[in-house]
Amino acid sequence: MESSQKFLRTFDKFLIAGLVVGVIGLCCLASAFAYTFANPPKARLDPTQTLPGTTVFSTVTPGPATPTLFLETPTLFPTLTPAAATEVGVSTPVPNPDTNNGAPSGRIVFTCYVEQIDQICIMNADGSGRKQLTYFSATTFYPSLSPDGKTIYFVSKENGTFDIYSMALDGGDVERLTNGIGTLYAPELSPNGKRIVFTNNGNGIWVMRADGNNPHAITFKDDIDPTWSPDGSKISFASSRRGDRQLFVMDANGDNVEQLTDLKDMGGRSTWSPDGTKIAFYRGPRGDHNIYIVDVNTKDIKKLTNGGDNLGPSWSPDGNWIAFTSFRDVNNEIYIIHPDGSGLRRLTDSPISDWQPRWGR
């Protein structure tokens, strides 16, 4: 009897436990059913499908890897001002997709230092077609092109004194035009092709006929580096006749001398704009020269470069460029720049020194 009662008590416990577990299970099933009813499962999207209100930025398809491009933005790479741009050294001639007045044209003659001797070289205005023209045994420099672009005038000490010579564009037909009248520099043919102006060192500025006849002085001061105005009526030059060296302009016969600048550390060579309204020149302390432009009428001055030790400017015949020598890459090389300070380009990339550029047709 006692054993029967123990059995019944044990059975009752199992029955009650089973009922409790069953009730809990029913509650779980009911909850799961309610959640499923309220949140039906979503279909898996095809990669090419787009949910309403969603933007697809790209569809990736298997294929060969392509390089990543890093675009410059104004935030990371601010646009340079013309002055800052001139401080950037370019290691090699770089094609310039120029949108400001077109590509450079014509030819540039210049002095090239070859085997410890200055010689005359020539190249196209875009830096191509470089060619050495002279193979003299003594210093040969100060080249310039005739207005018609057919003849080069230069100075050489080949015969013991610095005399003026002429030659053809291919280096042929060399002719000595002067003989022992002084130490001569910077010859340049007039726009009408009739007279050559030049420096007779210590004896002023001289002129002579294109064939070398009738050389004579038109100034008698410490005047150097003369250059003709486009119409041939004026000559600009540098002089210390009134103290520190400055830039001057005079009539072609030496009359009506006018001082254009009043600056420290003035250089020598200058160049007229083709319209005759401006002159580019250089100035600055040793090792830090820069190119400037002065308005002939108003005498307003604009600084064109900033850093690099820049010298000897020469305006292009079309007025769109100025060539000059720069030491910004630890070697004299020739650069060009627009008169507004844009479009800086390096034309030469030589282990030797390239300098004294003079632009012609």
Protein backbone atom coordinates (compact mmCIF):
# COMPACT_ATOMS: atom_id res chain seq x y z
CA MET A 1 0.00 0.00 0.00
CA GLU A 2 2.79 2.33 1.00
CA SER A 3 4.69 1.49 -2.18
CA SER A 4 1.53 2.21 -4.25
CA GLN A 5 1.21 5.61 -2.64
CA LYS A 6 4.89 6.41 -3.34
CA PHE A 7 4.34 5.48 -6.97
CA LEU A 8 1.30 7.71 -7.28
CA ARG A 9 3.13 10.63 -5.70
CA THR A 10 6.05 10.15 -8.12
CA PHE A 11 3.69 9.89 -11.08
CA ASP A 12 1.91 13.08 -10.05
CA LYS A 13 5.22 14.98 -10.01
CA PHE A 14 6.12 13.82 -13.53
CA LEU A 15 2.64 14.66 -14.77
CA ILE A 16 2.76 18.16 -13.33
CA ALA A 17 6.28 18.75 -14.73
CA GLY A 18 5.18 17.56 -18.16
CA LEU A 19 2.19 19.87 -18.10
CA VAL A 20 4.43 22.81 -17.18
CA VAL A 21 6.91 22.04 -19.99
CA GLY A 22 4.03 21.66 -22.45
CA VAL A 23 2.52 24.98 -21.49
CA ILE A 24 5.93 26.70 -21.89
CA GLY A 25 6.43 25.08 -25.31
CA LEU A 26 2.98 26.18 -26.46
CA CYS A 27 3.76 29.73 -25.37
CA CYS A 28 7.07 29.70 -27.35
CA LEU A 29 5.32 28.39 -30.44
CA ALA A 30 2.64 31.01 -30.12
CA SER A 31 5.24 33.78 -29.82
CA ALA A 32 7.19 32.55 -32.81
CA PHE A 33 4.03 32.35 -34.88
CA ALA A 34 3.05 35.87 -33.91
CA TYR A 35 6.51 37.28 -34.83
CA THR A 36 6.53 35.46 -38.18
CA PHE A 37 3.05 36.72 -38.96
CA ALA A 38 4.09 40.29 -38.18
CA ASN A 39 7.49 40.05 -39.97
CA PRO A 40 7.27 37.83 -43.03
CA PRO A 41 10.70 36.83 -44.50
CA LYS A 42 12.08 38.97 -47.41
CA ALA A 43 13.16 37.50 -50.73
CA ARG A 44 16.95 37.50 -51.39
CA LEU A 45 17.86 40.25 -53.85
CA ASP A 46 19.53 39.66 -57.18
CA PRO A 47 22.76 41.73 -57.37
CA THR A 48 21.35 43.66 -60.32
CA GLN A 49 18.06 44.54 -58.60
CA THR A 50 17.48 47.86 -56.87
CA LEU A 51 15.24 48.50 -53.93
CA PRO A 52 12.76 51.37 -54.33
CA GLY A 53 14.34 54.62 -53.19
CA THR A 54 17.91 53.23 -53.41
CA THR A 55 20.65 54.53 -55.74
CA VAL A 56 23.08 52.12 -57.30
CA PHE A 57 26.55 53.75 -57.57
CA SER A 58 28.28 51.07 -59.59
CA THR A 59 28.03 47.51 -60.76
CA VAL A 60 31.23 45.57 -60.24
CA THR A 61 32.09 42.97 -62.84
CA PRO A 62 35.08 40.69 -62.72
CA GLY A 63 37.95 41.87 -64.91
CA PRO A 64 41.60 42.99 -64.98
CA ALA A 65 42.65 45.45 -62.35
CA THR A 66 43.00 49.11 -63.46
CA PRO A 67 45.22 51.78 -61.88
CA THR A 68 43.63 54.15 -59.37
CA LEU A 69 43.70 57.81 -60.37
CA PHE A 70 44.30 60.48 -57.75
CA LEU A 71 42.83 63.75 -58.94
CA GLU A 72 44.19 67.05 -57.72
CA THR A 73 41.61 69.29 -56.10
CA PRO A 74 41.75 72.97 -55.15
CA THR A 75 41.66 71.96 -51.50
CA LEU A 76 44.71 69.74 -51.68
CA PHE A 77 46.55 71.50 -54.50
CA PRO A 78 45.66 75.21 -54.59
CA THR A 79 46.04 77.06 -57.86
CA LEU A 80 49.42 78.79 -57.99
CA THR A 81 49.76 82.49 -58.61
CA PRO A 82 52.08 83.44 -61.48
CA ALA A 83 54.82 84.45 -59.02
CA ALA A 84 54.65 81.15 -57.18
CA ALA A 85 54.53 79.21 -60.41
CA THR A 86 57.88 80.60 -61.48
CA GLU A 87 59.49 79.07 -58.42
CA VAL A 88 58.67 75.56 -59.58
CA GLY A 89 61.68 73.98 -61.31
CA VAL A 90 60.91 71.66 -64.22
CA SER A 91 63.50 68.96 -64.72
CA THR A 92 62.85 68.24 -68.40
CA PRO A 93 61.06 69.93 -71.31
CA VAL A 94 57.38 69.24 -70.72
CA PRO A 95 54.70 69.50 -73.42
CA ASN A 96 52.37 72.27 -72.34
CA PRO A 97 48.69 72.10 -73.40
CA ASP A 98 48.68 75.86 -73.74
CA THR A 99 45.38 77.69 -73.95
CA ASN A 100 46.83 81.19 -73.67
CA ASN A 101 47.74 82.61 -77.09
CA GLY A 102 48.98 79.39 -78.69
CA ALA A 103 52.22 77.49 -78.84
CA PRO A 104 55.59 79.26 -79.22
CA SER A 105 56.83 79.74 -82.77
CA GLY A 106 59.98 80.89 -84.51
CA ARG A 107 63.58 80.20 -83.47
CA ILE A 108 65.76 81.05 -80.51
CA VAL A 109 69.52 81.55 -80.77
CA PHE A 110 71.52 81.29 -77.58
CA THR A 111 74.96 80.79 -76.07
CA CYS A 112 75.85 77.20 -75.19
CA TYR A 113 78.89 76.31 -73.12
CA VAL A 114 80.57 73.40 -74.90
CA GLU A 115 83.87 71.87 -73.76
CA GLN A 116 84.73 74.92 -71.66
CA ILE A 117 84.07 77.37 -74.52
CA ASP A 118 80.98 79.47 -75.20
CA GLN A 119 79.52 78.71 -78.64
CA ILE A 120 76.39 79.67 -80.58
CA CYS A 121 73.44 77.26 -80.67
CA ILE A 122 69.95 77.47 -82.15
CA MET A 123 66.65 75.66 -81.54
CA ASN A 124 62.99 75.91 -82.41
CA ALA A 125 60.96 78.03 -80.03
CA ASP A 126 59.37 74.92 -78.49
CA GLY A 127 62.80 73.55 -77.53
CA SER A 128 63.09 71.04 -80.36
CA GLY A 129 65.74 70.90 -83.09
CA ARG A 130 68.67 72.03 -80.98
CA LYS A 131 71.84 72.50 -83.03
CA GLN A 132 75.34 73.82 -82.32
CA LEU A 133 76.37 76.30 -85.02
CA THR A 134 79.90 77.41 -84.12
CA TYR A 135 83.00 75.40 -83.23
CA PHE A 136 85.37 78.26 -82.51
CA SER A 137 88.44 77.96 -80.31
CA ALA A 138 87.65 81.06 -78.25
CA THR A 139 84.67 82.64 -76.47
CA THR A 140 81.73 83.13 -78.85
CA PHE A 141 78.52 84.65 -77.48
CA TYR A 142 75.87 87.44 -77.61
CA PRO A 143 73.89 86.03 -80.57
CA SER A 144 70.86 87.72 -82.10
CA LEU A 145 68.65 86.99 -85.11
CA SER A 146 68.00 89.43 -87.93
CA PRO A 147 64.36 90.64 -88.18
CA ASP A 148 63.79 88.45 -91.25
CA GLY A 149 65.13 85.41 -89.35
CA LYS A 150 67.81 84.62 -91.93
CA THR A 151 71.05 85.85 -90.35
CA ILE A 152 72.69 85.52 -86.95
CA TYR A 153 74.92 88.23 -85.51
CA PHE A 154 77.29 87.43 -82.66
CA VAL A 155 80.60 88.26 -80.98
CA SER A 156 83.74 86.10 -80.91
CA LYS A 157 87.30 86.38 -79.68
CA GLU A 158 88.44 83.90 -82.29
CA ASN A 159 90.95 86.38 -83.73
CA GLY A 160 92.20 87.82 -80.46
CA THR A 161 89.70 90.63 -79.89
CA PHE A 162 85.94 90.61 -79.30
CA ASP A 163 84.65 91.36 -82.80
CA ILE A 164 81.26 91.14 -84.46
CA TYR A 165 80.48 88.35 -86.92
CA SER A 166 77.52 87.24 -89.01
CA MET A 167 76.52 83.79 -90.28
CA ALA A 168 73.65 81.88 -91.85
CA LEU A 169 71.16 79.83 -89.83
CA ASP A 170 72.99 76.62 -90.66
CA GLY A 171 76.31 77.97 -89.33
CA GLY A 172 77.71 78.67 -92.77
CA ASP A 173 78.77 81.89 -94.52
CA VAL A 174 80.62 83.20 -91.46
CA GLU A 175 81.82 86.78 -91.96
CA ARG A 176 83.84 88.99 -89.66
CA LEU A 177 82.32 92.50 -89.68
CA THR A 178 84.70 94.44 -87.38
CA ASN A 179 88.44 94.41 -86.83
CA GLY A 180 90.00 95.73 -83.66
CA ILE A 181 87.82 98.79 -82.95
CA GLY A 182 87.35 97.80 -79.30
CA THR A 183 85.84 95.13 -77.07
CA LEU A 184 82.40 94.67 -78.63
CA TYR A 185 79.25 93.07 -77.26
CA ALA A 186 75.51 92.62 -78.00
CA PRO A 187 75.18 93.30 -81.76
CA GLU A 188 71.67 93.60 -83.17
CA LEU A 189 70.40 94.44 -86.66
CA SER A 190 67.85 97.25 -86.99
CA PRO A 191 64.27 96.43 -88.05
CA ASN A 192 64.90 97.90 -91.52
CA GLY A 193 68.04 95.75 -91.90
CA LYS A 194 70.37 98.69 -92.51
CA ARG A 195 72.30 99.23 -89.26
CA ILE A 196 73.79 97.20 -86.44
CA VAL A 197 73.82 98.61 -82.90
CA PHE A 198 76.30 97.26 -80.35
CA THR A 199 78.26 98.00 -77.18
CA ASN A 200 81.87 99.15 -77.44
CA ASN A 201 82.90 98.39 -73.89
CA GLY A 202 83.89 101.57 -72.03
CA ASN A 203 83.27 103.69 -75.10
CA GLY A 204 79.48 103.88 -75.25
CA ILE A 205 76.99 102.54 -77.76
CA TRP A 206 77.95 102.39 -81.42
CA VAL A 207 76.21 101.77 -84.73
CA MET A 208 77.50 100.70 -88.14
CA ARG A 209 76.12 99.65 -91.48
CA ALA A 210 74.98 96.04 -91.85
CA ASP A 211 78.13 95.21 -93.80
CA GLY A 212 80.36 96.53 -90.98
CA ASN A 213 81.24 99.87 -92.59
CA ASN A 214 81.15 103.26 -90.87
CA PRO A 215 81.26 102.19 -87.21
CA HIS A 216 80.79 105.19 -84.91
CA ALA A 217 79.62 106.10 -81.42
CA ILE A 218 76.19 107.55 -80.66
CA THR A 219 76.79 107.74 -76.85
CA PHE A 220 79.93 108.38 -74.87
CA LYS A 221 79.00 107.12 -71.39
CA ASP A 222 79.12 103.77 -69.59
CA ASP A 223 76.24 102.41 -71.71
CA ILE A 224 75.67 98.73 -72.48
CA ASP A 225 73.32 96.18 -74.04
CA PRO A 226 71.40 98.25 -76.65
CA THR A 227 68.32 96.87 -78.39
CA TRP A 228 66.09 98.37 -81.11
CA SER A 229 62.44 99.27 -80.65
CA PRO A 230 60.15 97.41 -83.09
CA ASP A 231 59.87 100.41 -85.42
CA GLY A 232 63.59 101.23 -85.23
CA SER A 233 63.03 104.75 -83.92
CA LYS A 234 64.28 104.07 -80.37
CA ILE A 235 67.04 102.15 -78.62
CA SER A 236 66.83 100.91 -75.05
CA PHE A 237 70.01 100.33 -73.07
CA ALA A 238 71.40 100.04 -69.54
CA SER A 239 73.68 102.70 -68.11
CA SER A 240 75.28 103.97 -64.92
CA ARG A 241 75.59 107.49 -66.37
CA ARG A 242 73.49 108.91 -63.50
CA GLY A 243 74.77 106.77 -60.64
CA ASP A 244 73.50 103.22 -60.19
CA ARG A 245 72.81 101.33 -63.40
CA GLN A 246 69.30 101.92 -64.75
CA LEU A 247 67.26 101.32 -67.90
CA PHE A 248 67.15 104.14 -70.47
CA VAL A 249 65.58 104.86 -73.86
CA MET A 250 66.90 107.22 -76.54
CA ASP A 251 66.27 108.10 -80.16
CA ALA A 252 68.07 105.92 -82.71
CA ASN A 253 70.69 108.66 -83.24
CA GLY A 254 71.46 108.97 -79.51
CA ASP A 255 69.31 112.04 -78.78
CA ASN A 256 66.54 112.51 -76.19
CA VAL A 257 67.82 110.12 -73.53
CA GLU A 258 65.10 109.20 -71.01
CA GLN A 259 65.50 107.19 -67.80
CA LEU A 260 62.77 104.57 -67.29
CA THR A 261 63.71 102.96 -63.96
CA ASP A 262 64.99 103.94 -60.55
CA LEU A 263 65.75 100.56 -58.98
CA LYS A 264 68.60 98.85 -57.19
CA ASP A 265 70.68 96.04 -58.68
CA MET A 266 69.74 96.59 -62.31
CA GLY A 267 70.94 94.16 -64.96
CA GLY A 268 71.87 94.83 -68.56
CA ARG A 269 69.97 93.17 -71.41
CA SER A 270 66.41 94.27 -72.15
CA THR A 271 63.82 93.51 -74.83
CA TRP A 272 60.91 95.43 -76.37
CA SER A 273 57.40 94.06 -76.73
CA PRO A 274 56.46 93.81 -80.43
CA ASP A 275 53.94 96.65 -80.04
CA GLY A 276 56.63 98.93 -78.62
CA THR A 277 54.74 99.77 -75.42
CA LYS A 278 56.73 97.72 -72.89
CA ILE A 279 60.28 96.64 -72.15
CA ALA A 280 61.29 93.54 -70.19
CA PHE A 281 64.51 93.63 -68.17
CA TYR A 282 66.10 91.93 -65.18
CA ARG A 283 67.33 93.08 -61.80
CA GLY A 284 68.13 91.83 -58.31
CA PRO A 285 71.08 90.96 -56.07
CA ARG A 286 73.66 88.48 -57.27
CA GLY A 287 72.12 85.00 -57.42
CA ASP A 288 68.54 86.31 -57.13
CA HIS A 289 67.72 88.22 -60.31
CA ASN A 290 64.14 88.39 -61.59
CA ILE A 291 62.42 89.46 -64.79
CA TYR A 292 60.37 92.69 -64.78
CA ILE A 293 58.27 94.57 -67.33
CA VAL A 294 58.07 98.37 -67.52
CA ASP A 295 55.48 100.37 -69.44
CA VAL A 296 57.40 102.81 -71.65
CA ASN A 297 54.76 105.55 -71.33
CA THR A 298 53.56 105.26 -67.72
CA LYS A 299 56.77 103.72 -66.29
CA ASP A 300 54.63 101.29 -64.29
CA ILE A 301 56.64 98.18 -63.38
CA LYS A 302 55.44 94.59 -62.99
CA LYS A 303 57.49 91.74 -61.56
CA LEU A 304 57.20 88.66 -63.78
CA THR A 305 59.24 85.98 -61.96
CA ASN A 306 59.94 85.21 -58.32
CA GLY A 307 63.04 83.20 -57.55
CA GLY A 308 65.41 81.16 -59.66
CA ASP A 309 68.00 83.77 -60.68
CA ASN A 310 66.56 84.85 -64.04
CA LEU A 311 68.40 86.96 -66.61
CA GLY A 312 68.50 88.18 -70.22
CA PRO A 313 64.82 88.33 -71.31
CA SER A 314 63.85 88.25 -75.00
CA TRP A 315 60.29 88.85 -76.25
CA SER A 316 58.86 86.55 -78.94
CA PRO A 317 57.99 88.19 -82.29
CA ASP A 318 54.29 87.45 -81.76
CA GLY A 319 54.32 89.03 -78.29
CA ASN A 320 52.95 85.96 -76.53
CA TRP A 321 56.11 84.78 -74.76
CA ILE A 322 59.30 85.97 -73.11
CA ALA A 323 62.41 83.76 -73.15
CA PHE A 324 65.00 84.08 -70.40
CA THR A 325 67.90 82.32 -68.70
CA SER A 326 67.33 80.79 -65.28
CA PHE A 327 69.59 79.11 -62.74
CA ARG A 328 66.65 77.56 -60.84
CA ASP A 329 67.81 74.00 -61.61
CA VAL A 330 71.42 74.52 -60.52
CA ASN A 331 72.47 75.08 -64.11
CA ASN A 332 71.76 77.86 -66.59
CA GLU A 333 68.85 76.76 -68.76
CA ILE A 334 66.41 78.58 -71.03
CA TYR A 335 62.76 79.03 -70.09
CA ILE A 336 59.79 80.82 -71.61
CA ILE A 337 56.80 82.43 -69.92
CA HIS A 338 53.77 84.47 -70.97
CA PRO A 339 53.96 88.21 -70.23
CA ASP A 340 51.16 87.74 -67.69
CA GLY A 341 53.29 85.26 -65.71
CA SER A 342 51.49 82.08 -66.84
CA GLY A 343 52.66 79.12 -68.91
CA LEU A 344 56.19 78.72 -67.53
CA ARG A 345 58.10 76.15 -69.62
CA ARG A 346 61.65 74.88 -69.66
CA LEU A 347 63.11 74.59 -73.16
CA THR A 348 66.62 73.24 -72.56
CA ASP A 349 67.79 70.36 -70.41
CA SER A 350 71.53 70.15 -70.82
CA PRO A 351 74.47 69.42 -68.53
CA ILE A 352 76.16 72.45 -70.07
CA SER A 353 75.14 76.05 -69.54
CA ASP A 354 72.58 77.53 -71.97
CA TRP A 355 72.07 81.29 -71.74
CA GLN A 356 71.64 84.63 -73.58
CA PRO A 357 68.51 83.61 -75.55
CA ARG A 358 67.43 85.88 -78.39
CA TRP A 359 64.13 85.16 -80.14
CA GLY A 360 63.53 85.54 -83.88
CA ARG A 361 61.29 84.38 -86.70
